[in-house]
Amino acid sequence: MLQAFKDSFVQWNQRTNDREKLQHTYIVLLMFVVFLAGLVSLFNATRSRQLMYAALALIITLAVNFVVWSLLKTTLLDRLPRPTRRR
């Protein structure tokens, strides 16, 4: 099972670009913080609320990241010449 996880991680690393990896990292981190806030809420509501504020900051960061990359892609990156591979 560990080998299957490693293989899927290697495939993910090869298939995605840096921007997508960053967005995936934000989403995984967000899910972890929300899960942690749920666990902490069983013991301390104040700390859980603070973790949810951190999750809100991650959501805002993710949204800004989406918007900035979309604007860059539509306005600038599509107009740049693509590098060609030498054979």
PDB file of N, CA and C in Angstrom:
ATOM      1  N   MET A   1       0.821  -1.184   0.000  1.00  0.00           N
ATOM      2  CA  MET A   1       0.000   0.000   0.000  1.00  0.00           C
ATOM      3  C   MET A   1       0.875   1.262   0.000  1.00  0.00           C
ATOM      4  N   LEU A   2       1.983   1.180   0.737  1.00  0.00           N
ATOM      5  CA  LEU A   2       2.879   2.324   0.765  1.00  0.00           C
ATOM      6  C   LEU A   2       3.483   2.579  -0.616  1.00  0.00           C
ATOM      7  N   GLN A   3       3.783   1.532  -1.333  1.00  0.00           N
ATOM      8  CA  GLN A   3       4.331   1.681  -2.684  1.00  0.00           C
ATOM      9  C   GLN A   3       3.300   2.304  -3.631  1.00  0.00           C
ATOM     10  N   ALA A   4       2.030   1.906  -3.482  1.00  0.00           N
ATOM     11  CA  ALA A   4       0.975   2.491  -4.312  1.00  0.00           C
ATOM     12  C   ALA A   4       0.833   3.979  -4.027  1.00  0.00           C
ATOM     13  N   PHE A   5       0.964   4.362  -2.758  1.00  0.00           N
ATOM     14  CA  PHE A   5       0.905   5.777  -2.403  1.00  0.00           C
ATOM     15  C   PHE A   5       2.078   6.527  -3.019  1.00  0.00           C
ATOM     16  N   LYS A   6       3.266   5.955  -2.950  1.00  0.00           N
ATOM     17  CA  LYS A   6       4.437   6.592  -3.549  1.00  0.00           C
ATOM     18  C   LYS A   6       4.282   6.732  -5.055  1.00  0.00           C
ATOM     19  N   ASP A   7       3.775   5.681  -5.703  1.00  0.00           N
ATOM     20  CA  ASP A   7       3.582   5.736  -7.160  1.00  0.00           C
ATOM     21  C   ASP A   7       2.578   6.818  -7.547  1.00  0.00           C
ATOM     22  N   SER A   8       1.484   6.909  -6.802  1.00  0.00           N
ATOM     23  CA  SER A   8       0.486   7.933  -7.130  1.00  0.00           C
ATOM     24  C   SER A   8       1.036   9.328  -6.879  1.00  0.00           C
ATOM     25  N   PHE A   9       1.872   9.477  -5.853  1.00  0.00           N
ATOM     26  CA  PHE A   9       2.481  10.784  -5.585  1.00  0.00           C
ATOM     27  C   PHE A   9       3.469  11.166  -6.686  1.00  0.00           C
ATOM     28  N   VAL A  10       4.224  10.214  -7.192  1.00  0.00           N
ATOM     29  CA  VAL A  10       5.163  10.485  -8.290  1.00  0.00           C
ATOM     30  C   VAL A  10       4.400  10.881  -9.548  1.00  0.00           C
ATOM     31  N   GLN A  11       3.297  10.184  -9.843  1.00  0.00           N
ATOM     32  CA  GLN A  11       2.486  10.527 -11.016  1.00  0.00           C
ATOM     33  C   GLN A  11       1.889  11.925 -10.871  1.00  0.00           C
ATOM     34  N   TRP A  12       1.404  12.244  -9.677  1.00  0.00           N
ATOM     35  CA  TRP A  12       0.850  13.580  -9.435  1.00  0.00           C
ATOM     36  C   TRP A  12       1.936  14.638  -9.636  1.00  0.00           C
ATOM     37  N   ASN A  13       3.134  14.350  -9.171  1.00  0.00           N
ATOM     38  CA  ASN A  13       4.244  15.288  -9.309  1.00  0.00           C
ATOM     39  C   ASN A  13       4.603  15.523 -10.777  1.00  0.00           C
ATOM     40  N   GLN A  14       4.512  14.497 -11.600  1.00  0.00           N
ATOM     41  CA  GLN A  14       4.846  14.627 -13.014  1.00  0.00           C
ATOM     42  C   GLN A  14       3.737  15.293 -13.818  1.00  0.00           C
ATOM     43  N   ARG A  15       2.485  15.069 -13.427  1.00  0.00           N
ATOM     44  CA  ARG A  15       1.351  15.572 -14.219  1.00  0.00           C
ATOM     45  C   ARG A  15       0.980  17.020 -13.951  1.00  0.00           C
ATOM     46  N   THR A  16       1.302  17.539 -12.775  1.00  0.00           N
ATOM     47  CA  THR A  16       0.846  18.883 -12.425  1.00  0.00           C
ATOM     48  C   THR A  16       1.998  19.880 -12.490  1.00  0.00           C
ATOM     49  N   ASN A  17       1.635  21.117 -12.766  1.00  0.00           N
ATOM     50  CA  ASN A  17       2.649  22.173 -12.768  1.00  0.00           C
ATOM     51  C   ASN A  17       2.742  22.801 -11.370  1.00  0.00           C
ATOM     52  N   ASP A  18       3.635  23.743 -11.215  1.00  0.00           N
ATOM     53  CA  ASP A  18       3.889  24.327  -9.894  1.00  0.00           C
ATOM     54  C   ASP A  18       2.675  25.078  -9.353  1.00  0.00           C
ATOM     55  N   ARG A  19       1.958  25.748 -10.211  1.00  0.00           N
ATOM     56  CA  ARG A  19       0.772  26.494  -9.764  1.00  0.00           C
ATOM     57  C   ARG A  19      -0.278  25.547  -9.199  1.00  0.00           C
ATOM     58  N   GLU A  20      -0.530  24.438  -9.885  1.00  0.00           N
ATOM     59  CA  GLU A  20      -1.515  23.473  -9.409  1.00  0.00           C
ATOM     60  C   GLU A  20      -1.063  22.801  -8.120  1.00  0.00           C
ATOM     61  N   LYS A  21       0.226  22.552  -8.000  1.00  0.00           N
ATOM     62  CA  LYS A  21       0.746  21.966  -6.756  1.00  0.00           C
ATOM     63  C   LYS A  21       0.529  22.908  -5.584  1.00  0.00           C
ATOM     64  N   LEU A  22       0.753  24.198  -5.808  1.00  0.00           N
ATOM     65  CA  LEU A  22       0.536  25.185  -4.756  1.00  0.00           C
ATOM     66  C   LEU A  22      -0.933  25.225  -4.343  1.00  0.00           C
ATOM     67  N   GLN A  23      -1.834  25.203  -5.312  1.00  0.00           N
ATOM     68  CA  GLN A  23      -3.254  25.216  -4.996  1.00  0.00           C
ATOM     69  C   GLN A  23      -3.682  23.945  -4.275  1.00  0.00           C
ATOM     70  N   HIS A  24      -3.150  22.803  -4.693  1.00  0.00           N
ATOM     71  CA  HIS A  24      -3.460  21.549  -4.004  1.00  0.00           C
ATOM     72  C   HIS A  24      -2.953  21.580  -2.565  1.00  0.00           C
ATOM     73  N   THR A  25      -1.791  22.179  -2.362  1.00  0.00           N
ATOM     74  CA  THR A  25      -1.241  22.286  -1.012  1.00  0.00           C
ATOM     75  C   THR A  25      -2.125  23.160  -0.134  1.00  0.00           C
ATOM     76  N   TYR A  26      -2.608  24.273  -0.680  1.00  0.00           N
ATOM     77  CA  TYR A  26      -3.524  25.125   0.080  1.00  0.00           C
ATOM     78  C   TYR A  26      -4.790  24.347   0.468  1.00  0.00           C
ATOM     79  N   ILE A  27      -5.333  23.586  -0.445  1.00  0.00           N
ATOM     80  CA  ILE A  27      -6.564  22.853  -0.169  1.00  0.00           C
ATOM     81  C   ILE A  27      -6.340  21.776   0.889  1.00  0.00           C
ATOM     82  N   VAL A  28      -5.238  21.041   0.787  1.00  0.00           N
ATOM     83  CA  VAL A  28      -4.947  20.006   1.786  1.00  0.00           C
ATOM     84  C   VAL A  28      -4.724  20.640   3.152  1.00  0.00           C
ATOM     85  N   LEU A  29      -3.988  21.736   3.202  1.00  0.00           N
ATOM     86  CA  LEU A  29      -3.752  22.434   4.461  1.00  0.00           C
ATOM     87  C   LEU A  29      -5.059  22.953   5.046  1.00  0.00           C
ATOM     88  N   LEU A  30      -5.930  23.462   4.202  1.00  0.00           N
ATOM     89  CA  LEU A  30      -7.229  23.944   4.654  1.00  0.00           C
ATOM     90  C   LEU A  30      -8.051  22.810   5.258  1.00  0.00           C
ATOM     91  N   MET A  31      -8.090  21.664   4.590  1.00  0.00           N
ATOM     92  CA  MET A  31      -8.844  20.529   5.130  1.00  0.00           C
ATOM     93  C   MET A  31      -8.265  20.072   6.470  1.00  0.00           C
ATOM     94  N   PHE A  32      -6.927  20.079   6.585  1.00  0.00           N
ATOM     95  CA  PHE A  32      -6.297  19.679   7.832  1.00  0.00           C
ATOM     96  C   PHE A  32      -6.657  20.636   8.963  1.00  0.00           C
ATOM     97  N   VAL A  33      -6.624  21.943   8.706  1.00  0.00           N
ATOM     98  CA  VAL A  33      -6.937  22.924   9.743  1.00  0.00           C
ATOM     99  C   VAL A  33      -8.398  22.818  10.161  1.00  0.00           C
ATOM    100  N   VAL A  34      -9.302  22.604   9.226  1.00  0.00           N
ATOM    101  CA  VAL A  34     -10.723  22.459   9.570  1.00  0.00           C
ATOM    102  C   VAL A  34     -10.931  21.189  10.394  1.00  0.00           C
ATOM    103  N   PHE A  35     -10.280  20.103  10.011  1.00  0.00           N
ATOM    104  CA  PHE A  35     -10.372  18.857  10.778  1.00  0.00           C
ATOM    105  C   PHE A  35      -9.822  19.053  12.188  1.00  0.00           C
ATOM    106  N   LEU A  36      -8.683  19.723  12.297  1.00  0.00           N
ATOM    107  CA  LEU A  36      -8.076  19.985  13.594  1.00  0.00           C
ATOM    108  C   LEU A  36      -8.972  20.882  14.445  1.00  0.00           C
ATOM    109  N   ALA A  37      -9.596  21.860  13.825  1.00  0.00           N
ATOM    110  CA  ALA A  37     -10.516  22.736  14.567  1.00  0.00           C
ATOM    111  C   ALA A  37     -11.711  21.948  15.090  1.00  0.00           C
ATOM    112  N   GLY A  38     -12.175  20.980  14.303  1.00  0.00           N
ATOM    113  CA  GLY A  38     -13.273  20.138  14.782  1.00  0.00           C
ATOM    114  C   GLY A  38     -12.875  19.302  15.979  1.00  0.00           C
ATOM    115  N   LEU A  39     -11.667  18.762  15.952  1.00  0.00           N
ATOM    116  CA  LEU A  39     -11.195  17.977  17.099  1.00  0.00           C
ATOM    117  C   LEU A  39     -10.983  18.857  18.327  1.00  0.00           C
ATOM    118  N   VAL A  40     -10.402  20.025  18.118  1.00  0.00           N
ATOM    119  CA  VAL A  40     -10.137  20.928  19.240  1.00  0.00           C
ATOM    120  C   VAL A  40     -11.442  21.446  19.834  1.00  0.00           C
ATOM    121  N   SER A  41     -12.477  21.564  19.025  1.00  0.00           N
ATOM    122  CA  SER A  41     -13.757  22.075  19.528  1.00  0.00           C
ATOM    123  C   SER A  41     -14.368  21.153  20.585  1.00  0.00           C
ATOM    124  N   LEU A  42     -13.945  19.897  20.606  1.00  0.00           N
ATOM    125  CA  LEU A  42     -14.427  18.989  21.645  1.00  0.00           C
ATOM    126  C   LEU A  42     -13.886  19.363  23.017  1.00  0.00           C
ATOM    127  N   PHE A  43     -12.762  20.091  23.043  1.00  0.00           N
ATOM    128  CA  PHE A  43     -12.120  20.413  24.307  1.00  0.00           C
ATOM    129  C   PHE A  43     -12.121  21.904  24.622  1.00  0.00           C
ATOM    130  N   ASN A  44     -11.952  22.748  23.601  1.00  0.00           N
ATOM    131  CA  ASN A  44     -11.806  24.179  23.842  1.00  0.00           C
ATOM    132  C   ASN A  44     -12.403  24.950  22.666  1.00  0.00           C
ATOM    133  N   ALA A  45     -13.513  25.605  22.926  1.00  0.00           N
ATOM    134  CA  ALA A  45     -14.219  26.317  21.856  1.00  0.00           C
ATOM    135  C   ALA A  45     -13.444  27.546  21.377  1.00  0.00           C
ATOM    136  N   THR A  46     -12.753  28.211  22.270  1.00  0.00           N
ATOM    137  CA  THR A  46     -12.013  29.418  21.891  1.00  0.00           C
ATOM    138  C   THR A  46     -10.876  29.082  20.929  1.00  0.00           C
ATOM    139  N   ARG A  47     -10.110  28.057  21.248  1.00  0.00           N
ATOM    140  CA  ARG A  47      -9.011  27.652  20.366  1.00  0.00           C
ATOM    141  C   ARG A  47      -9.543  27.161  19.017  1.00  0.00           C
ATOM    142  N   SER A  48     -10.665  26.483  19.064  1.00  0.00           N
ATOM    143  CA  SER A  48     -11.271  26.006  17.820  1.00  0.00           C
ATOM    144  C   SER A  48     -11.680  27.177  16.930  1.00  0.00           C
ATOM    145  N   ARG A  49     -12.214  28.201  17.537  1.00  0.00           N
ATOM    146  CA  ARG A  49     -12.607  29.387  16.780  1.00  0.00           C
ATOM    147  C   ARG A  49     -11.377  30.056  16.163  1.00  0.00           C
ATOM    148  N   GLN A  50     -10.273  30.076  16.893  1.00  0.00           N
ATOM    149  CA  GLN A  50      -9.040  30.651  16.363  1.00  0.00           C
ATOM    150  C   GLN A  50      -8.532  29.841  15.171  1.00  0.00           C
ATOM    151  N   LEU A  51      -8.648  28.524  15.253  1.00  0.00           N
ATOM    152  CA  LEU A  51      -8.253  27.686  14.118  1.00  0.00           C
ATOM    153  C   LEU A  51      -9.163  27.914  12.914  1.00  0.00           C
ATOM    154  N   MET A  52     -10.429  28.165  13.166  1.00  0.00           N
ATOM    155  CA  MET A  52     -11.345  28.443  12.056  1.00  0.00           C
ATOM    156  C   MET A  52     -11.019  29.788  11.414  1.00  0.00           C
ATOM    157  N   TYR A  53     -10.532  30.743  12.205  1.00  0.00           N
ATOM    158  CA  TYR A  53     -10.074  32.009  11.615  1.00  0.00           C
ATOM    159  C   TYR A  53      -8.856  31.760  10.727  1.00  0.00           C
ATOM    160  N   ALA A  54      -7.979  30.859  11.152  1.00  0.00           N
ATOM    161  CA  ALA A  54      -6.831  30.493  10.317  1.00  0.00           C
ATOM    162  C   ALA A  54      -7.316  29.835   9.023  1.00  0.00           C
ATOM    163  N   ALA A  55      -8.350  28.997   9.133  1.00  0.00           N
ATOM    164  CA  ALA A  55      -8.922  28.367   7.938  1.00  0.00           C
ATOM    165  C   ALA A  55      -9.540  29.424   7.025  1.00  0.00           C
ATOM    166  N   LEU A  56     -10.170  30.424   7.602  1.00  0.00           N
ATOM    167  CA  LEU A  56     -10.730  31.516   6.802  1.00  0.00           C
ATOM    168  C   LEU A  56      -9.622  32.265   6.068  1.00  0.00           C
ATOM    169  N   ALA A  57      -8.499  32.490   6.742  1.00  0.00           N
ATOM    170  CA  ALA A  57      -7.365  33.143   6.094  1.00  0.00           C
ATOM    171  C   ALA A  57      -6.848  32.280   4.941  1.00  0.00           C
ATOM    172  N   LEU A  58      -6.831  30.965   5.113  1.00  0.00           N
ATOM    173  CA  LEU A  58      -6.416  30.077   4.028  1.00  0.00           C
ATOM    174  C   LEU A  58      -7.390  30.130   2.857  1.00  0.00           C
ATOM    175  N   ILE A  59      -8.677  30.202   3.147  1.00  0.00           N
ATOM    176  CA  ILE A  59      -9.679  30.297   2.075  1.00  0.00           C
ATOM    177  C   ILE A  59      -9.478  31.595   1.285  1.00  0.00           C
ATOM    178  N   ILE A  60      -9.246  32.691   1.999  1.00  0.00           N
ATOM    179  CA  ILE A  60      -9.024  33.971   1.325  1.00  0.00           C
ATOM    180  C   ILE A  60      -7.748  33.918   0.489  1.00  0.00           C
ATOM    181  N   THR A  61      -6.697  33.323   1.037  1.00  0.00           N
ATOM    182  CA  THR A  61      -5.446  33.178   0.291  1.00  0.00           C
ATOM    183  C   THR A  61      -5.646  32.338  -0.957  1.00  0.00           C
ATOM    184  N   LEU A  62      -6.385  31.255  -0.838  1.00  0.00           N
ATOM    185  CA  LEU A  62      -6.667  30.398  -1.983  1.00  0.00           C
ATOM    186  C   LEU A  62      -7.473  31.142  -3.047  1.00  0.00           C
ATOM    187  N   ALA A  63      -8.464  31.912  -2.624  1.00  0.00           N
ATOM    188  CA  ALA A  63      -9.276  32.663  -3.578  1.00  0.00           C
ATOM    189  C   ALA A  63      -8.438  33.722  -4.299  1.00  0.00           C
ATOM    190  N   VAL A  64      -7.593  34.421  -3.550  1.00  0.00           N
ATOM    191  CA  VAL A  64      -6.723  35.426  -4.173  1.00  0.00           C
ATOM    192  C   VAL A  64      -5.769  34.747  -5.150  1.00  0.00           C
ATOM    193  N   ASN A  65      -5.244  33.595  -4.760  1.00  0.00           N
ATOM    194  CA  ASN A  65      -4.346  32.844  -5.631  1.00  0.00           C
ATOM    195  C   ASN A  65      -5.049  32.454  -6.936  1.00  0.00           C
ATOM    196  N   PHE A  66      -6.284  31.968  -6.839  1.00  0.00           N
ATOM    197  CA  PHE A  66      -7.051  31.613  -8.035  1.00  0.00           C
ATOM    198  C   PHE A  66      -7.240  32.819  -8.944  1.00  0.00           C
ATOM    199  N   VAL A  67      -7.615  33.944  -8.363  1.00  0.00           N
ATOM    200  CA  VAL A  67      -7.901  35.136  -9.158  1.00  0.00           C
ATOM    201  C   VAL A  67      -6.634  35.660  -9.827  1.00  0.00           C
ATOM    202  N   VAL A  68      -5.545  35.735  -9.066  1.00  0.00           N
ATOM    203  CA  VAL A  68      -4.302  36.259  -9.629  1.00  0.00           C
ATOM    204  C   VAL A  68      -3.795  35.373 -10.755  1.00  0.00           C
ATOM    205  N   TRP A  69      -3.798  34.061 -10.555  1.00  0.00           N
ATOM    206  CA  TRP A  69      -3.336  33.171 -11.615  1.00  0.00           C
ATOM    207  C   TRP A  69      -4.245  33.215 -12.838  1.00  0.00           C
ATOM    208  N   SER A  70      -5.542  33.356 -12.611  1.00  0.00           N
ATOM    209  CA  SER A  70      -6.464  33.462 -13.751  1.00  0.00           C
ATOM    210  C   SER A  70      -6.199  34.734 -14.545  1.00  0.00           C
ATOM    211  N   LEU A  71      -5.996  35.837 -13.846  1.00  0.00           N
ATOM    212  CA  LEU A  71      -5.706  37.089 -14.532  1.00  0.00           C
ATOM    213  C   LEU A  71      -4.371  37.026 -15.264  1.00  0.00           C
ATOM    214  N   LEU A  72      -3.368  36.449 -14.621  1.00  0.00           N
ATOM    215  CA  LEU A  72      -2.073  36.315 -15.284  1.00  0.00           C
ATOM    216  C   LEU A  72      -2.175  35.443 -16.525  1.00  0.00           C
ATOM    217  N   LYS A  73      -2.905  34.368 -16.417  1.00  0.00           N
ATOM    218  CA  LYS A  73      -3.015  33.441 -17.545  1.00  0.00           C
ATOM    219  C   LYS A  73      -3.752  34.089 -18.712  1.00  0.00           C
ATOM    220  N   THR A  74      -4.837  34.767 -18.435  1.00  0.00           N
ATOM    221  CA  THR A  74      -5.623  35.341 -19.526  1.00  0.00           C
ATOM    222  C   THR A  74      -4.988  36.592 -20.121  1.00  0.00           C
ATOM    223  N   THR A  75      -4.258  37.363 -19.315  1.00  0.00           N
ATOM    224  CA  THR A  75      -3.731  38.618 -19.833  1.00  0.00           C
ATOM    225  C   THR A  75      -2.291  38.538 -20.296  1.00  0.00           C
ATOM    226  N   LEU A  76      -1.489  37.701 -19.671  1.00  0.00           N
ATOM    227  CA  LEU A  76      -0.068  37.740 -19.964  1.00  0.00           C
ATOM    228  C   LEU A  76       0.490  36.407 -20.456  1.00  0.00           C
ATOM    229  N   LEU A  77       0.224  35.347 -19.761  1.00  0.00           N
ATOM    230  CA  LEU A  77       0.891  34.079 -20.057  1.00  0.00           C
ATOM    231  C   LEU A  77       0.502  33.484 -21.398  1.00  0.00           C
ATOM    232  N   ASP A  78      -0.722  33.685 -21.827  1.00  0.00           N
ATOM    233  CA  ASP A  78      -1.146  33.154 -23.128  1.00  0.00           C
ATOM    234  C   ASP A  78      -0.502  33.907 -24.289  1.00  0.00           C
ATOM    235  N   ARG A  79      -0.053  35.123 -24.045  1.00  0.00           N
ATOM    236  CA  ARG A  79       0.539  35.926 -25.122  1.00  0.00           C
ATOM    237  C   ARG A  79       2.043  35.744 -25.255  1.00  0.00           C
ATOM    238  N   LEU A  80       2.672  35.125 -24.261  1.00  0.00           N
ATOM    239  CA  LEU A  80       4.113  34.908 -24.333  1.00  0.00           C
ATOM    240  C   LEU A  80       4.417  33.768 -25.292  1.00  0.00           C
ATOM    241  N   PRO A  81       5.530  33.866 -25.989  1.00  0.00           N
ATOM    242  CA  PRO A  81       5.884  32.758 -26.895  1.00  0.00           C
ATOM    243  C   PRO A  81       6.256  31.512 -26.097  1.00  0.00           C
ATOM    244  N   ARG A  82       5.818  30.376 -26.594  1.00  0.00           N
ATOM    245  CA  ARG A  82       6.117  29.114 -25.935  1.00  0.00           C
ATOM    246  C   ARG A  82       7.491  28.619 -26.384  1.00  0.00           C
ATOM    247  N   PRO A  83       8.267  28.096 -25.442  1.00  0.00           N
ATOM    248  CA  PRO A  83       9.579  27.562 -25.839  1.00  0.00           C
ATOM    249  C   PRO A  83       9.409  26.284 -26.636  1.00  0.00           C
ATOM    250  N   THR A  84      10.265  26.121 -27.610  1.00  0.00           N
ATOM    251  CA  THR A  84      10.214  24.904 -28.423  1.00  0.00           C
ATOM    252  C   THR A  84      11.304  23.962 -27.977  1.00  0.00           C
ATOM    253  N   ARG A  85      11.050  22.676 -28.105  1.00  0.00           N
ATOM    254  CA  ARG A  85      12.020  21.674 -27.733  1.00  0.00           C
ATOM    255  C   ARG A  85      12.962  21.395 -28.892  1.00  0.00           C
ATOM    256  N   ARG A  86      14.205  21.235 -28.553  1.00  0.00           N
ATOM    257  CA  ARG A  86      15.182  20.873 -29.571  1.00  0.00           C
ATOM    258  C   ARG A  86      15.241  19.360 -29.685  1.00  0.00           C
ATOM    259  N   ARG A  87      15.365  18.904 -30.901  1.00  0.00           N
ATOM    260  CA  ARG A  87      15.415  17.451 -31.114  1.00  0.00           C
ATOM    261  C   ARG A  87      16.817  17.008 -31.404  1.00  0.00           C
TER     262      ARG A  87
END
